[in-house]
Amino acid sequence: MNALLDLKYIDHLQKQNAEELAFYPLTTLEKAFDEGKIIGCYENDEPAGYLWFGSVRPGYDVTIYQACVDYSARRRHLGLGLVRDLMDLGRAGAALGIRLRCASSSDANEFWSLTGFYCTRVSNGGIKRARMLNHWRTDLTPSLFIPEIVEPSRKQTNLKAYNKMKRDGIEMPSGWSRGHYP
C-alpha cells in the first residue's frame, strides 16, 4: 500500500461523502488499515480513493465495507481498478465472490451494475433516511447455482418520518445501536 494513503485522507473522504457512506470511527478504519484490508487508488501520485474489504477466505464471499473515489477523480476508471485489485486478491485466496450493500439513493449503484455486479436482494435501510439497501454480488468462480437477480431499488433519501419521530419525542437509538425502532 502506498504511504500516501493514510487514515486522515480516508476520514476526509468518509466525511465528504457522508450521505453515501456509512460512518465508521477512526479506530475501526485504523484496524482495517493495519490488517492490510484497505486498497488505495491514486491520480498523479496523490490519493484519490480507497476500498475497504473483509477477510479473504477459501469458499466464502469477500465483503466490501466501503468504497469511495474522490468526486473530482470519478469516471476515470479508478474505482474499476480498485475492484479489479480486490478480485485478484479474492481469486488468489479462492474466494467464491464479492458482495456489498449500497444505499438505493447512491449513484454508485450504476457503477456496481456496470462493473458486472448483480443485485441479489433489496432490504430496508432504516427509518432515518427511509431508503432501501441494494445487495450486490459478483462471482469470482463459476457457480453451480444461478442466483435470483432482482431489480435494484432507486428510492431516494427521505427524512420526513425520522424528523417527525424526533419532533414527537420518540427516543432514537444511537448510531451504534443494533436495536430496532418501535
N, C-alpha and C. Protein backbone atom coordinates (compact mmCIF):
# COMPACT_ATOMS: atom_id res chain seq x y z
N MET A 1 0.85 -1.18 0.00
CA MET A 1 0.00 0.00 0.00
C MET A 1 0.89 1.24 0.00
N ASN A 2 0.56 2.20 -0.82
CA ASN A 2 1.33 3.43 -0.93
C ASN A 2 1.21 4.23 0.36
N ALA A 3 2.32 4.77 0.82
CA ALA A 3 2.34 5.52 2.07
C ALA A 3 1.49 6.80 2.00
N LEU A 4 1.16 7.25 0.78
CA LEU A 4 0.37 8.46 0.64
C LEU A 4 -1.05 8.30 1.19
N LEU A 5 -1.58 7.08 1.08
CA LEU A 5 -2.92 6.83 1.60
C LEU A 5 -2.82 6.67 3.11
N ASP A 6 -3.51 7.53 3.85
CA ASP A 6 -3.47 7.43 5.30
C ASP A 6 -4.88 7.61 5.87
N LEU A 7 -4.97 7.41 7.16
CA LEU A 7 -6.28 7.49 7.82
C LEU A 7 -6.92 8.87 7.69
N LYS A 8 -6.11 9.92 7.70
CA LYS A 8 -6.67 11.27 7.59
C LYS A 8 -7.40 11.43 6.26
N TYR A 9 -6.80 10.91 5.20
CA TYR A 9 -7.42 11.02 3.89
C TYR A 9 -8.70 10.20 3.83
N ILE A 10 -8.66 8.97 4.36
CA ILE A 10 -9.83 8.11 4.37
C ILE A 10 -10.95 8.77 5.17
N ASP A 11 -10.62 9.33 6.33
CA ASP A 11 -11.61 10.02 7.16
C ASP A 11 -12.18 11.22 6.42
N HIS A 12 -11.32 11.95 5.72
CA HIS A 12 -11.76 13.10 4.93
C HIS A 12 -12.78 12.67 3.87
N LEU A 13 -12.48 11.60 3.11
CA LEU A 13 -13.41 11.11 2.09
C LEU A 13 -14.71 10.61 2.72
N GLN A 14 -14.58 9.94 3.86
CA GLN A 14 -15.77 9.42 4.54
C GLN A 14 -16.70 10.57 4.94
N LYS A 15 -16.14 11.66 5.47
CA LYS A 15 -16.94 12.82 5.87
C LYS A 15 -17.50 13.56 4.66
N GLN A 16 -16.68 13.67 3.61
CA GLN A 16 -17.09 14.37 2.40
C GLN A 16 -18.25 13.66 1.71
N ASN A 17 -18.35 12.35 1.90
CA ASN A 17 -19.38 11.54 1.24
C ASN A 17 -20.32 10.91 2.27
N ALA A 18 -20.59 11.64 3.34
CA ALA A 18 -21.38 11.12 4.46
C ALA A 18 -22.77 10.65 4.05
N GLU A 19 -23.38 11.29 3.08
CA GLU A 19 -24.72 10.88 2.65
C GLU A 19 -24.69 9.53 1.94
N GLU A 20 -23.57 9.21 1.33
CA GLU A 20 -23.45 7.97 0.56
C GLU A 20 -22.91 6.81 1.40
N LEU A 21 -22.02 7.10 2.33
CA LEU A 21 -21.31 6.07 3.08
C LEU A 21 -21.82 5.94 4.51
N ALA A 22 -21.69 4.75 5.06
CA ALA A 22 -21.90 4.58 6.49
C ALA A 22 -20.69 5.19 7.20
N PHE A 23 -20.88 5.66 8.41
CA PHE A 23 -19.77 6.25 9.16
C PHE A 23 -19.13 5.19 10.04
N TYR A 24 -17.83 5.10 9.98
CA TYR A 24 -17.07 4.22 10.86
C TYR A 24 -16.05 5.05 11.62
N PRO A 25 -15.86 4.77 12.91
CA PRO A 25 -14.89 5.53 13.69
C PRO A 25 -13.47 5.23 13.21
N LEU A 26 -12.58 6.17 13.47
CA LEU A 26 -11.18 6.02 13.04
C LEU A 26 -10.52 4.77 13.59
N THR A 27 -10.90 4.36 14.80
CA THR A 27 -10.28 3.16 15.38
C THR A 27 -10.59 1.92 14.54
N THR A 28 -11.80 1.85 14.00
CA THR A 28 -12.19 0.72 13.14
C THR A 28 -11.42 0.77 11.84
N LEU A 29 -11.33 1.96 11.24
CA LEU A 29 -10.58 2.11 9.99
C LEU A 29 -9.09 1.84 10.21
N GLU A 30 -8.57 2.26 11.35
CA GLU A 30 -7.16 2.03 11.66
C GLU A 30 -6.85 0.53 11.73
N LYS A 31 -7.74 -0.22 12.34
CA LYS A 31 -7.56 -1.67 12.43
C LYS A 31 -7.53 -2.29 11.03
N ALA A 32 -8.48 -1.90 10.17
CA ALA A 32 -8.52 -2.40 8.79
C ALA A 32 -7.26 -2.00 8.03
N PHE A 33 -6.81 -0.79 8.23
CA PHE A 33 -5.60 -0.27 7.60
C PHE A 33 -4.39 -1.11 8.01
N ASP A 34 -4.28 -1.37 9.32
CA ASP A 34 -3.16 -2.17 9.85
C ASP A 34 -3.19 -3.61 9.36
N GLU A 35 -4.40 -4.14 9.13
CA GLU A 35 -4.54 -5.53 8.66
C GLU A 35 -4.39 -5.66 7.15
N GLY A 36 -4.13 -4.54 6.46
CA GLY A 36 -3.96 -4.57 5.01
C GLY A 36 -5.26 -4.80 4.26
N LYS A 37 -6.37 -4.38 4.84
CA LYS A 37 -7.68 -4.60 4.23
C LYS A 37 -8.23 -3.34 3.58
N ILE A 38 -7.34 -2.43 3.26
CA ILE A 38 -7.73 -1.23 2.53
C ILE A 38 -6.79 -1.10 1.33
N ILE A 39 -7.41 -0.99 0.16
CA ILE A 39 -6.67 -0.79 -1.08
C ILE A 39 -6.86 0.67 -1.48
N GLY A 40 -5.80 1.32 -1.91
CA GLY A 40 -5.89 2.71 -2.33
C GLY A 40 -5.73 2.86 -3.82
N CYS A 41 -6.27 3.97 -4.35
CA CYS A 41 -6.02 4.33 -5.75
C CYS A 41 -5.47 5.75 -5.76
N TYR A 42 -4.75 6.04 -6.84
CA TYR A 42 -4.00 7.30 -6.90
C TYR A 42 -4.15 7.93 -8.27
N GLU A 43 -4.11 9.24 -8.27
CA GLU A 43 -4.11 10.01 -9.51
C GLU A 43 -3.00 11.05 -9.38
N ASN A 44 -2.08 11.03 -10.31
CA ASN A 44 -0.92 11.93 -10.27
C ASN A 44 -0.16 11.79 -8.95
N ASP A 45 0.00 10.56 -8.51
CA ASP A 45 0.71 10.23 -7.26
C ASP A 45 0.08 10.81 -6.00
N GLU A 46 -1.18 11.19 -6.11
CA GLU A 46 -1.93 11.69 -4.95
C GLU A 46 -3.07 10.71 -4.67
N PRO A 47 -3.42 10.49 -3.39
CA PRO A 47 -4.53 9.58 -3.10
C PRO A 47 -5.82 10.09 -3.74
N ALA A 48 -6.60 9.17 -4.29
CA ALA A 48 -7.84 9.55 -4.95
C ALA A 48 -9.02 8.70 -4.50
N GLY A 49 -8.77 7.64 -3.70
CA GLY A 49 -9.86 6.81 -3.23
C GLY A 49 -9.36 5.58 -2.51
N TYR A 50 -10.32 4.80 -2.02
CA TYR A 50 -9.96 3.59 -1.29
C TYR A 50 -11.11 2.58 -1.35
N LEU A 51 -10.78 1.34 -1.05
CA LEU A 51 -11.75 0.26 -0.94
C LEU A 51 -11.39 -0.54 0.30
N TRP A 52 -12.33 -0.66 1.22
CA TRP A 52 -12.13 -1.41 2.47
C TRP A 52 -12.91 -2.71 2.37
N PHE A 53 -12.21 -3.81 2.57
CA PHE A 53 -12.82 -5.13 2.40
C PHE A 53 -12.58 -6.00 3.62
N GLY A 54 -13.36 -7.08 3.71
CA GLY A 54 -13.24 -8.03 4.81
C GLY A 54 -12.29 -9.16 4.48
N SER A 55 -12.38 -10.21 5.24
CA SER A 55 -11.48 -11.35 5.10
C SER A 55 -11.65 -12.03 3.75
N VAL A 56 -10.52 -12.50 3.23
CA VAL A 56 -10.49 -13.28 2.00
C VAL A 56 -10.24 -14.72 2.43
N ARG A 57 -11.29 -15.57 2.30
CA ARG A 57 -11.19 -16.96 2.76
C ARG A 57 -11.68 -17.90 1.67
N PRO A 58 -11.03 -19.04 1.53
CA PRO A 58 -11.48 -20.02 0.53
C PRO A 58 -12.92 -20.45 0.79
N GLY A 59 -13.72 -20.45 -0.29
CA GLY A 59 -15.09 -20.92 -0.18
C GLY A 59 -16.10 -19.91 0.33
N TYR A 60 -15.70 -18.68 0.57
CA TYR A 60 -16.61 -17.63 1.08
C TYR A 60 -16.53 -16.40 0.19
N ASP A 61 -17.54 -15.54 0.31
CA ASP A 61 -17.51 -14.26 -0.38
C ASP A 61 -16.66 -13.27 0.41
N VAL A 62 -16.05 -12.35 -0.30
CA VAL A 62 -15.35 -11.22 0.31
C VAL A 62 -16.36 -10.08 0.38
N THR A 63 -16.42 -9.39 1.51
CA THR A 63 -17.35 -8.28 1.69
C THR A 63 -16.63 -6.95 1.51
N ILE A 64 -17.21 -6.08 0.72
CA ILE A 64 -16.73 -4.70 0.62
C ILE A 64 -17.53 -3.89 1.64
N TYR A 65 -16.82 -3.27 2.58
CA TYR A 65 -17.48 -2.44 3.59
C TYR A 65 -17.66 -1.01 3.11
N GLN A 66 -16.64 -0.49 2.46
CA GLN A 66 -16.73 0.87 1.91
C GLN A 66 -15.85 0.95 0.68
N ALA A 67 -16.32 1.71 -0.28
CA ALA A 67 -15.53 2.02 -1.47
C ALA A 67 -15.85 3.47 -1.83
N CYS A 68 -14.83 4.25 -2.04
CA CYS A 68 -15.08 5.66 -2.33
C CYS A 68 -13.92 6.22 -3.16
N VAL A 69 -14.27 6.91 -4.23
CA VAL A 69 -13.30 7.63 -5.05
C VAL A 69 -13.65 9.10 -4.93
N ASP A 70 -12.65 9.93 -4.76
CA ASP A 70 -12.84 11.37 -4.65
C ASP A 70 -13.70 11.86 -5.81
N TYR A 71 -14.63 12.74 -5.51
CA TYR A 71 -15.58 13.21 -6.52
C TYR A 71 -14.88 13.73 -7.77
N SER A 72 -13.79 14.47 -7.59
CA SER A 72 -13.08 15.07 -8.73
C SER A 72 -12.34 14.02 -9.57
N ALA A 73 -12.18 12.79 -9.07
CA ALA A 73 -11.46 11.76 -9.80
C ALA A 73 -12.38 10.65 -10.32
N ARG A 74 -13.67 10.82 -10.17
CA ARG A 74 -14.60 9.78 -10.63
C ARG A 74 -14.69 9.75 -12.15
N ARG A 75 -15.14 8.62 -12.64
CA ARG A 75 -15.31 8.38 -14.08
C ARG A 75 -13.97 8.34 -14.82
N ARG A 76 -12.93 7.90 -14.11
CA ARG A 76 -11.60 7.76 -14.72
C ARG A 76 -11.05 6.36 -14.51
N HIS A 77 -11.90 5.42 -14.26
CA HIS A 77 -11.55 4.00 -14.10
C HIS A 77 -10.79 3.69 -12.82
N LEU A 78 -10.72 4.62 -11.88
CA LEU A 78 -10.02 4.35 -10.62
C LEU A 78 -10.80 3.35 -9.78
N GLY A 79 -12.11 3.50 -9.72
CA GLY A 79 -12.95 2.56 -8.97
C GLY A 79 -12.86 1.16 -9.55
N LEU A 80 -12.87 1.07 -10.86
CA LEU A 80 -12.74 -0.22 -11.53
C LEU A 80 -11.40 -0.87 -11.18
N GLY A 81 -10.35 -0.06 -11.11
CA GLY A 81 -9.03 -0.59 -10.72
C GLY A 81 -9.05 -1.15 -9.30
N LEU A 82 -9.73 -0.46 -8.38
CA LEU A 82 -9.85 -0.96 -7.01
C LEU A 82 -10.57 -2.31 -6.98
N VAL A 83 -11.66 -2.41 -7.74
CA VAL A 83 -12.44 -3.66 -7.78
C VAL A 83 -11.60 -4.77 -8.40
N ARG A 84 -10.87 -4.48 -9.46
CA ARG A 84 -10.01 -5.49 -10.09
C ARG A 84 -8.93 -5.98 -9.12
N ASP A 85 -8.36 -5.06 -8.36
CA ASP A 85 -7.34 -5.45 -7.37
C ASP A 85 -7.95 -6.40 -6.34
N LEU A 86 -9.16 -6.10 -5.89
CA LEU A 86 -9.83 -6.97 -4.92
C LEU A 86 -10.18 -8.31 -5.55
N MET A 87 -10.61 -8.30 -6.80
CA MET A 87 -10.91 -9.56 -7.49
C MET A 87 -9.65 -10.44 -7.57
N ASP A 88 -8.53 -9.84 -7.86
CA ASP A 88 -7.27 -10.60 -7.91
C ASP A 88 -6.94 -11.21 -6.55
N LEU A 89 -7.13 -10.42 -5.48
CA LEU A 89 -6.90 -10.94 -4.12
C LEU A 89 -7.87 -12.07 -3.81
N GLY A 90 -9.13 -11.89 -4.18
CA GLY A 90 -10.15 -12.89 -3.93
C GLY A 90 -9.87 -14.19 -4.66
N ARG A 91 -9.49 -14.09 -5.93
CA ARG A 91 -9.18 -15.30 -6.70
C ARG A 91 -7.97 -16.01 -6.12
N ALA A 92 -6.96 -15.24 -5.73
CA ALA A 92 -5.75 -15.82 -5.14
C ALA A 92 -6.09 -16.52 -3.82
N GLY A 93 -7.07 -16.01 -3.10
CA GLY A 93 -7.48 -16.60 -1.83
C GLY A 93 -8.61 -17.61 -1.98
N ALA A 94 -8.96 -17.97 -3.22
CA ALA A 94 -10.01 -18.94 -3.53
C ALA A 94 -11.39 -18.54 -3.00
N ALA A 95 -11.66 -17.23 -2.94
CA ALA A 95 -12.98 -16.76 -2.53
C ALA A 95 -13.99 -17.06 -3.65
N LEU A 96 -15.25 -17.22 -3.28
CA LEU A 96 -16.30 -17.52 -4.26
C LEU A 96 -16.76 -16.29 -5.02
N GLY A 97 -16.86 -15.16 -4.31
CA GLY A 97 -17.36 -13.94 -4.93
C GLY A 97 -17.10 -12.73 -4.06
N ILE A 98 -17.64 -11.62 -4.49
CA ILE A 98 -17.53 -10.36 -3.74
C ILE A 98 -18.94 -9.83 -3.58
N ARG A 99 -19.24 -9.32 -2.38
CA ARG A 99 -20.57 -8.77 -2.12
C ARG A 99 -20.46 -7.45 -1.38
N LEU A 100 -21.53 -6.68 -1.46
CA LEU A 100 -21.60 -5.39 -0.79
C LEU A 100 -23.04 -4.94 -0.71
N ARG A 101 -23.27 -3.94 0.12
CA ARG A 101 -24.57 -3.28 0.19
C ARG A 101 -24.38 -1.83 -0.21
N CYS A 102 -25.35 -1.30 -0.94
CA CYS A 102 -25.26 0.07 -1.41
C CYS A 102 -26.62 0.74 -1.25
N ALA A 103 -26.63 1.92 -0.70
CA ALA A 103 -27.87 2.66 -0.49
C ALA A 103 -28.58 2.90 -1.82
N SER A 104 -29.88 2.75 -1.81
CA SER A 104 -30.67 2.91 -3.04
C SER A 104 -30.54 4.31 -3.63
N SER A 105 -30.27 5.29 -2.79
CA SER A 105 -30.16 6.67 -3.24
C SER A 105 -28.79 7.01 -3.83
N SER A 106 -27.86 6.07 -3.79
CA SER A 106 -26.49 6.34 -4.22
C SER A 106 -26.31 6.17 -5.73
N ASP A 107 -25.55 7.09 -6.30
CA ASP A 107 -25.19 6.98 -7.72
C ASP A 107 -24.28 5.78 -7.96
N ALA A 108 -23.67 5.25 -6.90
CA ALA A 108 -22.75 4.13 -7.03
C ALA A 108 -23.45 2.86 -7.53
N ASN A 109 -24.77 2.78 -7.41
CA ASN A 109 -25.49 1.61 -7.92
C ASN A 109 -25.23 1.40 -9.41
N GLU A 110 -25.17 2.47 -10.15
CA GLU A 110 -24.88 2.37 -11.58
C GLU A 110 -23.47 1.82 -11.79
N PHE A 111 -22.52 2.26 -10.99
CA PHE A 111 -21.15 1.76 -11.09
C PHE A 111 -21.11 0.25 -10.85
N TRP A 112 -21.76 -0.21 -9.78
CA TRP A 112 -21.71 -1.63 -9.46
C TRP A 112 -22.33 -2.46 -10.58
N SER A 113 -23.42 -1.98 -11.14
CA SER A 113 -24.06 -2.69 -12.24
C SER A 113 -23.15 -2.75 -13.46
N LEU A 114 -22.54 -1.63 -13.81
CA LEU A 114 -21.65 -1.57 -14.97
C LEU A 114 -20.36 -2.37 -14.77
N THR A 115 -20.00 -2.62 -13.52
CA THR A 115 -18.79 -3.35 -13.20
C THR A 115 -19.02 -4.87 -13.25
N GLY A 116 -20.25 -5.29 -13.46
CA GLY A 116 -20.54 -6.71 -13.57
C GLY A 116 -21.16 -7.32 -12.32
N PHE A 117 -21.47 -6.51 -11.33
CA PHE A 117 -22.16 -7.00 -10.15
C PHE A 117 -23.65 -7.12 -10.47
N TYR A 118 -24.35 -7.98 -9.77
CA TYR A 118 -25.78 -8.12 -9.95
C TYR A 118 -26.45 -8.00 -8.58
N CYS A 119 -27.67 -7.45 -8.60
CA CYS A 119 -28.41 -7.24 -7.35
C CYS A 119 -29.12 -8.53 -6.97
N THR A 120 -28.86 -9.01 -5.75
CA THR A 120 -29.45 -10.27 -5.29
C THR A 120 -30.67 -10.06 -4.42
N ARG A 121 -30.77 -8.89 -3.77
CA ARG A 121 -31.95 -8.58 -2.97
C ARG A 121 -31.93 -7.11 -2.59
N VAL A 122 -33.07 -6.65 -2.12
CA VAL A 122 -33.23 -5.28 -1.64
C VAL A 122 -33.80 -5.38 -0.23
N SER A 123 -33.22 -4.65 0.72
CA SER A 123 -33.70 -4.68 2.09
C SER A 123 -33.92 -3.26 2.60
N ASN A 124 -34.64 -3.15 3.72
CA ASN A 124 -34.91 -1.87 4.34
C ASN A 124 -33.62 -1.28 4.88
N GLY A 125 -33.37 -0.02 4.59
CA GLY A 125 -32.15 0.65 5.03
C GLY A 125 -32.31 1.46 6.30
N GLY A 126 -33.44 1.37 6.96
CA GLY A 126 -33.64 2.08 8.22
C GLY A 126 -34.59 3.25 8.07
N ILE A 127 -35.10 3.69 9.22
CA ILE A 127 -36.11 4.75 9.22
C ILE A 127 -35.50 6.14 9.05
N LYS A 128 -34.28 6.34 9.49
CA LYS A 128 -33.73 7.69 9.46
C LYS A 128 -33.73 8.27 8.05
N ARG A 129 -33.21 7.52 7.10
CA ARG A 129 -33.14 8.03 5.73
C ARG A 129 -34.24 7.46 4.83
N ALA A 130 -34.99 6.51 5.34
CA ALA A 130 -36.11 5.91 4.61
C ALA A 130 -35.71 5.51 3.20
N ARG A 131 -34.61 4.86 3.09
CA ARG A 131 -34.17 4.36 1.80
C ARG A 131 -33.96 2.86 1.89
N MET A 132 -33.72 2.26 0.78
CA MET A 132 -33.50 0.82 0.72
C MET A 132 -32.01 0.55 0.51
N LEU A 133 -31.61 -0.69 0.79
CA LEU A 133 -30.24 -1.12 0.53
C LEU A 133 -30.27 -2.18 -0.57
N ASN A 134 -29.47 -1.96 -1.59
CA ASN A 134 -29.30 -2.94 -2.65
C ASN A 134 -28.13 -3.84 -2.28
N HIS A 135 -28.32 -5.14 -2.38
CA HIS A 135 -27.27 -6.12 -2.08
C HIS A 135 -26.69 -6.58 -3.41
N TRP A 136 -25.44 -6.21 -3.66
CA TRP A 136 -24.77 -6.52 -4.92
C TRP A 136 -23.79 -7.67 -4.72
N ARG A 137 -23.57 -8.44 -5.79
CA ARG A 137 -22.63 -9.56 -5.75
C ARG A 137 -22.05 -9.78 -7.13
N THR A 138 -20.83 -10.30 -7.17
CA THR A 138 -20.22 -10.79 -8.40
C THR A 138 -19.51 -12.09 -8.09
N ASP A 139 -19.46 -12.97 -9.06
CA ASP A 139 -18.82 -14.28 -8.89
C ASP A 139 -17.35 -14.19 -9.25
N LEU A 140 -16.51 -14.86 -8.45
CA LEU A 140 -15.09 -15.00 -8.78
C LEU A 140 -14.80 -16.38 -9.35
N THR A 141 -15.64 -17.33 -9.00
CA THR A 141 -15.52 -18.69 -9.52
C THR A 141 -16.88 -19.09 -10.09
N PRO A 142 -16.89 -19.97 -11.09
CA PRO A 142 -18.18 -20.39 -11.65
C PRO A 142 -19.05 -21.02 -10.56
N SER A 143 -20.33 -20.71 -10.61
CA SER A 143 -21.27 -21.20 -9.61
C SER A 143 -22.10 -22.35 -10.17
N LEU A 144 -22.42 -23.29 -9.32
CA LEU A 144 -23.30 -24.38 -9.72
C LEU A 144 -24.76 -23.93 -9.78
N PHE A 145 -25.06 -22.88 -9.04
CA PHE A 145 -26.42 -22.38 -8.96
C PHE A 145 -26.52 -21.00 -9.59
N ILE A 146 -27.63 -20.75 -10.22
CA ILE A 146 -27.86 -19.42 -10.79
C ILE A 146 -28.67 -18.64 -9.77
N PRO A 147 -28.07 -17.58 -9.20
CA PRO A 147 -28.80 -16.82 -8.17
C PRO A 147 -29.94 -16.01 -8.79
N GLU A 148 -30.94 -15.75 -7.97
CA GLU A 148 -32.03 -14.89 -8.41
C GLU A 148 -31.49 -13.46 -8.49
N ILE A 149 -31.74 -12.84 -9.60
CA ILE A 149 -31.31 -11.45 -9.79
C ILE A 149 -32.55 -10.58 -9.70
N VAL A 150 -32.47 -9.53 -8.88
CA VAL A 150 -33.61 -8.64 -8.68
C VAL A 150 -33.29 -7.24 -9.18
N GLU A 151 -34.32 -6.48 -9.43
CA GLU A 151 -34.16 -5.10 -9.86
C GLU A 151 -33.73 -4.25 -8.65
N PRO A 152 -32.61 -3.52 -8.75
CA PRO A 152 -32.19 -2.70 -7.61
C PRO A 152 -33.17 -1.54 -7.37
N SER A 153 -33.28 -1.15 -6.12
CA SER A 153 -34.13 -0.02 -5.75
C SER A 153 -33.43 1.29 -6.12
N ARG A 154 -34.23 2.28 -6.45
CA ARG A 154 -33.69 3.62 -6.72
C ARG A 154 -34.32 4.64 -5.78
N LYS A 155 -34.91 4.13 -4.69
CA LYS A 155 -35.60 5.01 -3.72
C LYS A 155 -34.61 6.02 -3.15
N GLN A 156 -35.02 7.27 -3.14
CA GLN A 156 -34.19 8.35 -2.64
C GLN A 156 -34.36 8.54 -1.13
N THR A 157 -33.42 9.24 -0.53
CA THR A 157 -33.46 9.55 0.89
C THR A 157 -34.67 10.42 1.20
N ASN A 158 -35.34 10.11 2.32
CA ASN A 158 -36.49 10.89 2.76
C ASN A 158 -36.45 10.93 4.29
N LEU A 159 -36.15 12.09 4.84
CA LEU A 159 -36.00 12.24 6.29
C LEU A 159 -37.30 12.62 7.00
N LYS A 160 -38.44 12.67 6.31
CA LYS A 160 -39.69 13.13 6.93
C LYS A 160 -40.09 12.29 8.15
N ALA A 161 -40.14 10.97 8.01
CA ALA A 161 -40.58 10.11 9.11
C ALA A 161 -39.63 10.22 10.30
N TYR A 162 -38.35 10.24 10.05
CA TYR A 162 -37.36 10.35 11.12
C TYR A 162 -37.52 11.68 11.86
N ASN A 163 -37.61 12.76 11.11
CA ASN A 163 -37.74 14.08 11.73
C ASN A 163 -39.04 14.21 12.52
N LYS A 164 -40.14 13.61 12.03
CA LYS A 164 -41.40 13.64 12.76
C LYS A 164 -41.27 12.89 14.08
N MET A 165 -40.65 11.70 14.05
CA MET A 165 -40.47 10.92 15.28
C MET A 165 -39.61 11.71 16.28
N LYS A 166 -38.60 12.38 15.78
CA LYS A 166 -37.73 13.17 16.64
C LYS A 166 -38.51 14.32 17.27
N ARG A 167 -39.32 15.02 16.45
CA ARG A 167 -40.14 16.13 16.95
C ARG A 167 -41.15 15.64 17.99
N ASP A 168 -41.69 14.44 17.78
CA ASP A 168 -42.68 13.88 18.69
C ASP A 168 -42.07 13.33 19.97
N GLY A 169 -40.75 13.42 20.09
CA GLY A 169 -40.07 12.99 21.31
C GLY A 169 -39.83 11.49 21.42
N ILE A 170 -39.96 10.79 20.32
CA ILE A 170 -39.69 9.35 20.34
C ILE A 170 -38.19 9.15 20.45
N GLU A 171 -37.80 8.33 21.42
CA GLU A 171 -36.38 8.11 21.66
C GLU A 171 -35.76 7.35 20.49
N MET A 172 -34.66 7.89 19.99
CA MET A 172 -33.97 7.28 18.86
C MET A 172 -32.75 6.51 19.37
N PRO A 173 -32.49 5.35 18.79
CA PRO A 173 -31.27 4.63 19.19
C PRO A 173 -30.05 5.38 18.71
N SER A 174 -28.92 5.14 19.35
CA SER A 174 -27.69 5.80 18.94
C SER A 174 -27.26 5.25 17.59
N GLY A 175 -26.29 5.89 16.98
CA GLY A 175 -25.77 5.44 15.70
C GLY A 175 -25.13 4.08 15.78
N TRP A 176 -24.80 3.63 16.98
CA TRP A 176 -24.11 2.34 17.14
C TRP A 176 -25.07 1.26 17.62
N SER A 177 -26.33 1.62 17.79
CA SER A 177 -27.30 0.66 18.29
C SER A 177 -27.69 -0.35 17.22
N ARG A 178 -27.91 -1.56 17.63
CA ARG A 178 -28.40 -2.57 16.70
C ARG A 178 -29.88 -2.82 16.93
N GLY A 179 -30.47 -2.03 17.85
CA GLY A 179 -31.89 -2.18 18.15
C GLY A 179 -32.76 -1.66 17.03
N HIS A 180 -34.02 -2.02 17.09
CA HIS A 180 -34.97 -1.59 16.06
C HIS A 180 -35.89 -0.52 16.60
N TYR A 181 -36.43 0.26 15.70
CA TYR A 181 -37.41 1.27 16.07
C TYR A 181 -38.71 0.59 16.44
N PRO A 182 -39.52 1.26 17.27
CA PRO A 182 -40.83 0.68 17.65
C PRO A 182 -41.74 0.57 16.44
